Protein backbone atom coordinates (compact mmCIF):
# COMPACT_ATOMS: atom_id res chain seq x y z
CA MET A 1 207.35 -64.56 -85.58
CA SER A 2 208.51 -67.01 -88.25
CA SER A 3 206.10 -69.85 -89.07
CA THR A 4 208.96 -72.31 -88.63
CA ILE A 5 209.55 -71.40 -84.96
CA ILE A 6 208.53 -74.09 -82.47
CA THR A 7 206.34 -72.27 -79.95
CA SER A 8 205.30 -75.20 -77.75
CA PRO A 9 206.42 -78.80 -77.05
CA GLU A 10 203.16 -80.03 -78.63
CA SER A 11 203.98 -78.38 -81.95
CA GLY A 12 204.10 -80.60 -84.99
CA LEU A 13 207.22 -78.69 -85.97
CA LEU A 14 209.04 -80.27 -83.03
CA ALA A 15 208.12 -83.72 -84.31
CA THR A 16 209.44 -82.74 -87.75
CA LEU A 17 212.70 -81.49 -86.27
CA CYS A 18 213.13 -84.61 -84.15
CA GLN A 19 212.59 -86.85 -87.15
CA GLN A 20 215.37 -85.05 -89.01
CA LEU A 21 217.71 -85.26 -86.01
CA ALA A 22 217.01 -88.97 -85.55
CA GLU A 23 217.76 -89.66 -89.20
CA GLN A 24 221.18 -88.02 -88.83
CA ALA A 25 222.11 -89.42 -85.40
CA GLY A 26 223.77 -92.59 -86.66
CA GLN A 27 226.02 -90.80 -89.12
CA LEU A 28 226.92 -88.23 -86.48
CA ASP A 29 228.04 -91.03 -84.18
CA GLN A 30 230.05 -92.68 -86.94
CA THR A 31 231.93 -89.57 -88.05
CA GLY A 32 232.38 -87.90 -84.67
CA ASP A 33 232.12 -84.52 -86.42
CA TRP A 34 230.81 -81.49 -84.57
CA PRO A 35 227.00 -81.35 -85.13
CA ARG A 36 227.08 -78.05 -86.99
CA ARG A 37 224.24 -78.98 -89.33
CA GLN A 38 222.09 -80.22 -86.45
CA LEU A 39 222.62 -77.03 -84.45
CA GLU A 40 221.83 -74.88 -87.49
CA LEU A 41 218.65 -76.90 -87.92
CA CYS A 42 217.69 -76.36 -84.28
CA ALA A 43 218.39 -72.64 -84.62
CA SER A 44 216.12 -72.41 -87.67
CA TYR A 45 213.30 -73.92 -85.58
CA GLY A 46 213.96 -71.50 -82.71
CA VAL A 47 215.08 -74.13 -80.19
CA PHE A 48 217.65 -71.85 -78.56
CA ARG A 49 214.91 -69.30 -77.87
CA TRP A 50 213.06 -71.68 -75.53
CA PHE A 51 215.37 -70.93 -72.62
CA LEU A 52 215.60 -67.13 -72.60
CA PRO A 53 213.32 -64.21 -71.69
CA ALA A 54 211.52 -62.32 -74.46
CA ALA A 55 213.67 -59.26 -73.75
CA TRP A 56 216.66 -61.08 -75.26
CA GLY A 57 214.84 -62.69 -78.18
CA GLY A 58 213.68 -65.73 -76.24
CA LEU A 59 210.33 -67.51 -75.94
CA ALA A 60 210.53 -67.84 -72.14
CA TRP A 61 209.27 -71.41 -72.02
CA SER A 62 208.30 -72.68 -68.59
CA ASP A 63 210.47 -75.31 -66.91
CA LEU A 64 207.73 -77.84 -67.63
CA ASP A 65 207.66 -77.06 -71.35
CA VAL A 66 211.46 -77.11 -71.56
CA ILE A 67 211.49 -80.57 -70.01
CA ARG A 68 208.87 -81.78 -72.47
CA GLY A 69 210.93 -80.40 -75.31
CA TYR A 70 214.12 -82.01 -74.01
CA LEU A 71 212.38 -85.39 -73.68
CA LYS A 72 211.63 -85.37 -77.39
CA LEU A 73 214.99 -84.00 -78.50
CA SER A 74 216.99 -86.52 -76.46
CA GLN A 75 214.96 -89.39 -77.87
CA ALA A 76 215.94 -88.20 -81.35
CA CYS A 77 219.64 -87.38 -80.88
CA LEU A 78 221.41 -87.40 -77.53
CA THR A 79 224.59 -85.75 -78.83
CA THR A 80 222.81 -82.71 -80.24
CA THR A 81 220.61 -82.40 -77.16
CA PHE A 82 223.59 -82.62 -74.81
CA VAL A 83 225.35 -79.85 -76.73
CA ILE A 84 222.20 -77.74 -76.43
CA THR A 85 222.20 -78.20 -72.64
CA GLN A 86 225.67 -76.68 -72.51
CA LEU A 87 224.55 -73.72 -74.60
CA THR A 88 221.50 -73.41 -72.37
CA GLY A 89 223.64 -73.43 -69.24
CA ALA A 90 225.83 -70.64 -70.57
CA SER A 91 222.91 -68.55 -71.82
CA ARG A 92 220.98 -68.81 -68.58
CA ARG A 93 224.00 -67.96 -66.46
CA ILE A 94 224.49 -64.82 -68.53
CA ALA A 95 220.77 -63.98 -68.30
CA ALA A 96 220.80 -64.44 -64.50
CA SER A 97 223.98 -62.41 -63.96
CA GLY A 98 222.60 -58.92 -63.80
CA ASN A 99 225.40 -57.86 -66.16
CA GLU A 100 223.20 -55.90 -68.56
CA GLU A 101 226.00 -54.96 -70.94
CA LEU A 102 226.87 -58.63 -71.50
CA GLN A 103 223.21 -59.57 -71.75
CA GLN A 104 222.59 -57.02 -74.50
CA ARG A 105 225.74 -57.96 -76.36
CA LEU A 106 225.52 -61.75 -76.19
CA LEU A 107 222.02 -63.07 -75.55
CA PRO A 108 220.20 -62.05 -78.77
CA ALA A 109 222.92 -63.69 -80.87
CA LEU A 110 222.85 -66.85 -78.72
CA ALA A 111 219.05 -67.05 -78.92
CA ALA A 112 219.20 -66.77 -82.71
CA GLY A 113 221.97 -69.36 -83.05
CA GLU A 114 224.30 -66.78 -84.55
CA GLN A 115 226.90 -67.53 -81.86
CA PHE A 116 227.63 -70.54 -79.67
CA ALA A 117 228.50 -70.48 -75.99
CA THR A 118 229.27 -73.37 -73.66
CA VAL A 119 230.11 -74.01 -70.01
CA GLY A 120 233.21 -75.22 -68.18
CA ILE A 121 232.05 -75.71 -64.59
CA SER A 122 232.40 -79.41 -63.79
CA HIS A 123 235.47 -78.71 -61.65
CA LEU A 124 233.21 -76.68 -59.35
CA THR A 125 230.56 -79.39 -59.07
CA THR A 126 231.48 -83.05 -59.50
CA SER A 127 234.84 -83.26 -61.32
CA ARG A 128 238.27 -82.70 -59.65
CA ARG A 129 236.70 -81.40 -56.41
CA HIS A 130 238.69 -83.97 -54.42
CA LEU A 131 241.98 -82.24 -55.27
CA SER A 132 243.55 -80.02 -52.60
CA ARG A 133 244.62 -77.43 -55.18
CA PRO A 134 241.93 -76.03 -57.52
CA VAL A 135 242.54 -76.87 -61.17
CA LEU A 136 241.46 -73.36 -62.16
CA ARG A 137 242.61 -70.52 -59.94
CA ALA A 138 241.70 -66.82 -59.87
CA GLU A 139 243.89 -63.99 -58.60
CA PRO A 140 242.64 -60.41 -58.21
CA ILE A 141 244.44 -57.87 -60.40
CA ASP A 142 243.75 -54.23 -61.23
CA GLY A 143 240.39 -54.07 -63.00
CA GLY A 144 239.63 -57.77 -62.82
CA TYR A 145 241.18 -61.19 -62.29
CA ARG A 146 243.90 -63.43 -63.63
CA LEU A 147 242.78 -67.01 -64.37
CA ASP A 148 245.31 -69.83 -64.55
CA GLY A 149 244.66 -73.53 -64.99
CA PHE A 150 242.06 -75.47 -66.92
CA SER A 151 238.52 -76.77 -66.97
CA PRO A 152 238.69 -80.51 -67.69
CA TRP A 153 235.37 -81.13 -69.45
CA VAL A 154 234.14 -78.43 -71.82
CA THR A 155 231.83 -79.29 -74.69
CA GLY A 156 232.49 -77.67 -78.05
CA ALA A 157 235.14 -75.26 -76.78
CA ARG A 158 236.88 -75.26 -80.16
CA HIS A 159 233.61 -74.21 -81.80
CA ALA A 160 232.50 -71.71 -79.15
CA ASP A 161 232.53 -67.94 -79.22
CA GLN A 162 232.32 -67.79 -75.42
CA VAL A 163 232.90 -70.16 -72.51
CA VAL A 164 231.26 -69.58 -69.12
CA THR A 165 233.65 -70.94 -66.52
CA GLY A 166 234.40 -70.72 -62.83
CA ALA A 167 237.60 -70.26 -60.84
CA THR A 168 238.60 -70.38 -57.18
CA LEU A 169 240.49 -67.71 -55.24
CA ASP A 170 243.07 -68.51 -52.56
CA ASP A 171 240.53 -67.77 -49.82
CA GLY A 172 238.11 -70.37 -51.22
CA ARG A 173 235.66 -67.97 -52.80
CA GLN A 174 234.62 -68.65 -56.38
CA LEU A 175 233.65 -66.55 -59.38
CA LEU A 176 231.93 -67.16 -62.69
CA ALA A 177 233.03 -65.33 -65.83
CA VAL A 178 232.29 -65.48 -69.53
CA LEU A 179 235.48 -65.76 -71.57
CA PRO A 180 235.60 -64.93 -75.28
CA THR A 181 237.59 -67.75 -76.85
CA ASP A 182 239.86 -65.27 -78.64
CA LEU A 183 241.25 -63.87 -75.36
CA PRO A 184 245.06 -64.11 -75.15
CA GLY A 185 246.08 -67.22 -73.20
CA VAL A 186 242.85 -69.13 -73.91
CA SER A 187 243.03 -72.42 -75.83
CA ALA A 188 241.09 -75.66 -76.26
CA ASP A 189 242.86 -79.01 -76.34
CA GLU A 190 242.09 -81.64 -78.94
CA PRO A 191 238.93 -83.42 -77.69
CA ALA A 192 239.45 -87.01 -76.64
CA PRO A 193 237.59 -89.83 -78.43
CA LEU A 194 234.81 -90.93 -76.11
CA LEU A 195 232.85 -94.15 -75.69
CA GLY A 196 229.83 -92.22 -76.93
CA LEU A 197 228.99 -88.63 -77.88
CA THR A 198 232.43 -88.05 -79.41
CA ALA A 199 230.80 -85.51 -81.74
CA SER A 200 230.15 -83.28 -78.71
CA CYS A 201 233.88 -82.43 -78.95
CA THR A 202 234.32 -82.41 -75.18
CA GLY A 203 237.78 -81.89 -73.71
CA PRO A 204 240.02 -79.60 -71.62
CA PHE A 205 239.81 -75.83 -71.89
CA GLN A 206 243.08 -74.12 -70.96
CA MET A 207 243.66 -70.69 -69.43
CA ASP A 208 247.30 -69.60 -69.22
CA ASN A 209 247.42 -66.50 -67.01
CA VAL A 210 244.39 -65.02 -68.74
CA SER A 211 243.49 -61.45 -67.77
CA VAL A 212 239.72 -61.23 -67.32
CA PRO A 213 238.26 -57.73 -66.88
CA GLU A 214 235.61 -57.19 -64.23
CA ALA A 215 233.10 -56.52 -67.03
CA LEU A 216 233.19 -60.24 -67.93
CA VAL A 217 232.39 -61.48 -64.40
CA LEU A 218 228.91 -62.98 -64.07
CA ALA A 219 228.86 -63.80 -60.35
CA GLY A 220 231.11 -63.68 -57.28
CA PRO A 221 233.58 -63.88 -55.83
CA GLU A 222 231.58 -65.71 -53.16
CA GLU A 223 231.28 -69.06 -51.45
CA ASN A 224 229.71 -71.78 -53.60
CA VAL A 225 229.03 -69.54 -56.56
CA MET A 226 227.17 -72.33 -58.37
CA ALA A 227 224.32 -72.00 -55.87
CA THR A 228 223.48 -68.57 -57.28
CA GLY A 229 221.37 -67.88 -60.35
CA VAL A 230 219.78 -70.51 -62.55
CA GLY A 231 220.62 -72.53 -65.58
CA ALA A 232 223.79 -74.58 -65.39
CA ARG A 233 222.89 -76.50 -62.25
CA SER A 234 224.52 -79.90 -61.98
CA GLY A 235 222.77 -83.20 -61.35
CA GLY A 236 219.24 -81.75 -61.48
CA LEU A 237 216.16 -82.52 -63.55
CA GLN A 238 217.84 -81.71 -66.86
CA THR A 239 220.17 -84.71 -66.69
CA SER A 240 217.38 -87.08 -65.65
CA THR A 241 215.23 -85.68 -68.46
CA LEU A 242 217.79 -86.60 -71.10
CA ALA A 243 218.20 -90.08 -69.62
CA ILE A 244 214.45 -90.71 -69.73
CA GLY A 245 214.20 -89.34 -73.26
CA HIS A 246 217.11 -91.47 -74.42
CA ALA A 247 215.57 -94.57 -72.83
CA ALA A 248 212.41 -93.87 -74.83
CA ALA A 249 214.33 -94.44 -78.07
CA SER A 250 215.36 -97.95 -77.00
CA ILE A 251 211.87 -98.71 -75.70
CA GLU A 252 210.26 -97.52 -78.94
CA PHE A 253 212.58 -99.89 -80.84
CA LEU A 254 211.42 -102.75 -78.61
CA HIS A 255 207.81 -101.75 -79.23
CA THR A 256 208.31 -101.92 -82.98
CA GLU A 257 210.03 -105.31 -82.72
CA SER A 258 207.29 -106.63 -80.42
CA GLN A 259 204.72 -106.15 -83.17
CA ARG A 260 206.16 -109.17 -84.92
CA ARG A 261 207.77 -111.02 -81.98
CA ASP A 262 205.34 -111.92 -79.22
CA GLU A 263 208.10 -112.76 -76.74
CA LEU A 264 209.09 -109.09 -76.65
CA GLN A 265 205.64 -107.85 -75.66
CA PRO A 266 206.11 -108.22 -71.86
CA VAL A 267 209.63 -106.77 -72.05
CA TRP A 268 208.51 -103.70 -73.94
CA SER A 269 205.41 -103.30 -71.77
CA GLU A 270 207.30 -103.40 -68.46
CA LEU A 271 210.05 -101.02 -69.57
CA ASP A 272 207.49 -98.60 -70.98
CA ARG A 273 205.50 -98.75 -67.75
CA GLU A 274 208.66 -97.82 -65.86
CA ARG A 275 209.43 -95.02 -68.31
CA SER A 276 205.92 -93.65 -67.97
CA GLY A 277 206.20 -93.63 -64.18
CA LEU A 278 209.53 -91.84 -64.33
CA GLU A 279 208.17 -89.25 -66.75
CA HIS A 280 205.19 -88.67 -64.44
CA ASP A 281 207.48 -88.05 -61.47
CA LEU A 282 209.79 -85.85 -63.55
CA LEU A 283 206.95 -83.60 -64.66
CA ALA A 284 205.56 -83.50 -61.12
CA LEU A 285 208.91 -82.36 -59.75
CA ALA A 286 209.10 -79.71 -62.46
CA THR A 287 205.84 -78.23 -61.16
CA GLY A 288 207.05 -78.22 -57.55
CA GLU A 289 205.29 -81.38 -56.37
CA THR A 290 207.57 -83.42 -54.07
CA VAL A 291 206.97 -86.96 -55.27
CA CYS A 292 210.59 -88.02 -54.73
CA SER A 293 214.02 -86.43 -54.46
CA ASN A 294 215.95 -85.30 -57.52
CA GLU A 295 218.66 -87.80 -56.62
CA ALA A 296 216.18 -90.69 -56.40
CA LEU A 297 214.78 -89.77 -59.80
CA ARG A 298 218.27 -89.58 -61.27
CA GLN A 299 219.19 -93.02 -59.93
CA ARG A 300 216.04 -94.56 -61.40
CA ALA A 301 216.57 -92.78 -64.72
CA ASN A 302 220.18 -93.98 -64.91
CA SER A 303 219.07 -97.53 -64.21
CA LEU A 304 216.33 -97.45 -66.84
CA VAL A 305 218.40 -95.91 -69.63
CA VAL A 306 221.14 -98.53 -69.26
CA ARG A 307 218.75 -101.49 -69.01
CA ALA A 308 216.53 -100.30 -71.87
CA ALA A 309 219.51 -99.91 -74.20
CA GLN A 310 220.81 -103.36 -73.33
CA ALA A 311 217.34 -104.85 -73.88
CA ALA A 312 217.23 -103.22 -77.32
CA LEU A 313 220.63 -104.70 -78.14
CA ALA A 314 219.57 -108.16 -76.98
CA ALA A 315 216.40 -107.92 -79.05
CA ALA A 316 218.37 -106.82 -82.11
CA LYS A 317 220.64 -109.89 -81.67
CA GLY A 318 223.82 -110.03 -83.74
CA THR A 319 222.65 -107.28 -86.05
CA GLY A 320 222.58 -104.88 -83.12
CA TYR A 321 226.19 -105.70 -82.27
CA ALA A 322 227.37 -104.64 -85.73
CA SER A 323 228.90 -101.19 -85.96
CA GLY A 324 226.37 -98.62 -87.09
CA HIS A 325 223.25 -100.18 -85.59
CA SER A 326 221.23 -97.87 -83.36
CA ALA A 327 221.05 -100.39 -80.51
CA GLY A 328 224.83 -100.49 -80.14
CA ARG A 329 224.98 -96.71 -80.17
CA TRP A 330 222.25 -96.49 -77.53
CA CYS A 331 224.21 -98.87 -75.29
CA ARG A 332 227.33 -96.74 -75.50
CA GLU A 333 225.43 -93.50 -75.07
CA SER A 334 223.47 -94.81 -72.08
CA LEU A 335 226.70 -95.26 -70.12
CA PHE A 336 227.26 -91.50 -70.35
CA PHE A 337 224.64 -91.01 -67.64
CA LEU A 338 226.76 -92.98 -65.16
CA VAL A 339 229.47 -90.31 -65.36
CA TRP A 340 227.79 -87.05 -66.46
CA SER A 341 227.30 -84.71 -63.48
CA CYS A 342 226.65 -87.74 -61.30
CA PRO A 343 226.42 -86.87 -57.57
CA GLN A 344 228.10 -89.32 -55.20
CA PRO A 345 224.84 -90.72 -53.72
CA VAL A 346 223.52 -91.45 -57.22
CA MET A 347 226.81 -93.05 -58.24
CA GLN A 348 226.81 -95.20 -55.11
CA ALA A 349 223.22 -96.31 -55.74
CA ASN A 350 224.08 -97.23 -59.33
CA LEU A 351 227.17 -99.16 -58.19
CA CYS A 352 225.12 -101.07 -55.62
CA GLU A 353 222.57 -102.00 -58.28
CA LEU A 354 225.32 -103.20 -60.62
CA ALA A 355 226.83 -105.25 -57.79
CA GLY A 356 223.46 -106.73 -56.83
CA ILE A 357 223.52 -105.10 -53.39
CA THR A 358 219.91 -104.48 -52.34
CA ASP A 359 220.27 -103.28 -48.71
C-alpha cells in the first residue's frame, strides 16, 4: 500500500491533508469552482477508500473511524467534505446492492478516485415529499424501467460519471438505480448560487423518459426503499458529524484570539466544553451506546455550529464582516445545517430555539 495512504484517523497524513484543504477553503468559497483539486488531493491520500470493503479496493474503516475522519475533514473544508459524503452515499449504496456486476465495474474506480459518483435521493427523504405527485416517477418497461422527472438537489451532477437516484412507481413502491450521466435523456441543470457551499455545484438532475435497464437497479421496487442497505441514510450521524467538525473551526479561531484577548476566554471555554460533550455523545452513538437520540444530537449540533460561527464573527469584529474572512464564510456555511437533510422534529426544535420558545 502506498506510503501516502491515510490508514487511520490518527495518522499524521490526515493532519497534513487537512492543513492543505483548510488553506484552500477560502479561495474555493470565493470562486465557487468545483473542488477538483481538493478531490484529487483526497484521492491521492486514499480518503475514498475509507468507506468501502477491501474486496473493492477499500480500507473498510469502522463507523467510528469514519466519523473521526469526517470530524477533521469538515473542520478543514466543509465544501469538500460535503461532496465526499455524496460520493460515499453513492459508493455504499452500490456496495450494499448485491449487484455484483455493478460492484466490480464501478467500485474500484470510485475507491481510487478515478471516477466520481453522487446521489439524488432527497426527494425520497426530506425534500418534495409533501407533493401529491412524485417529482421522479418510474414505469415498468420490458427489461427495466422508464424514469421521468427530476431530483431537485444533486451535488456535482455535471461532474459525475454516475448518479444514484430513486424513483416512485404508481403503486407507491420505490426503486434505487445508478444512472450513467451519458444515458440518453439525462441532463444536469446549471447549479444555483447558494448562500454557502456554491462550489459543491448542487442543483436539479433531470431525467426525460430515461430507459434504465434492470442491470442498473440497486434496490426495489419496494416500500420505503431508503430503509434498505447502508450508506446514504438521511439525517443520521454523518450530518451531525460535519456540523460538529465545522463548529470546531470557529471554536479554534476563538481559542487563538483568546490567547491575546482575555474577555474571549470564557466564551471559547464554554463553546469548546459544549463541542466536547457533543463529540463524546456522537462517538458513543457510533459504538451503539444509547446516550441520546440521533435527532437530539442533530438539534444540539445545529445549534452549536450556528452559535459558534456567529461568536467567531463577533470576535473578529468588522474584519470578519469583510468578504473573504473565514468567520463570514463559517457563518454562511453553518446555516446549511438548518436545511440539509433536516428532519421535521429537528427543524421544529431549531425554530423554537430561534424564537426563544423553551417549552
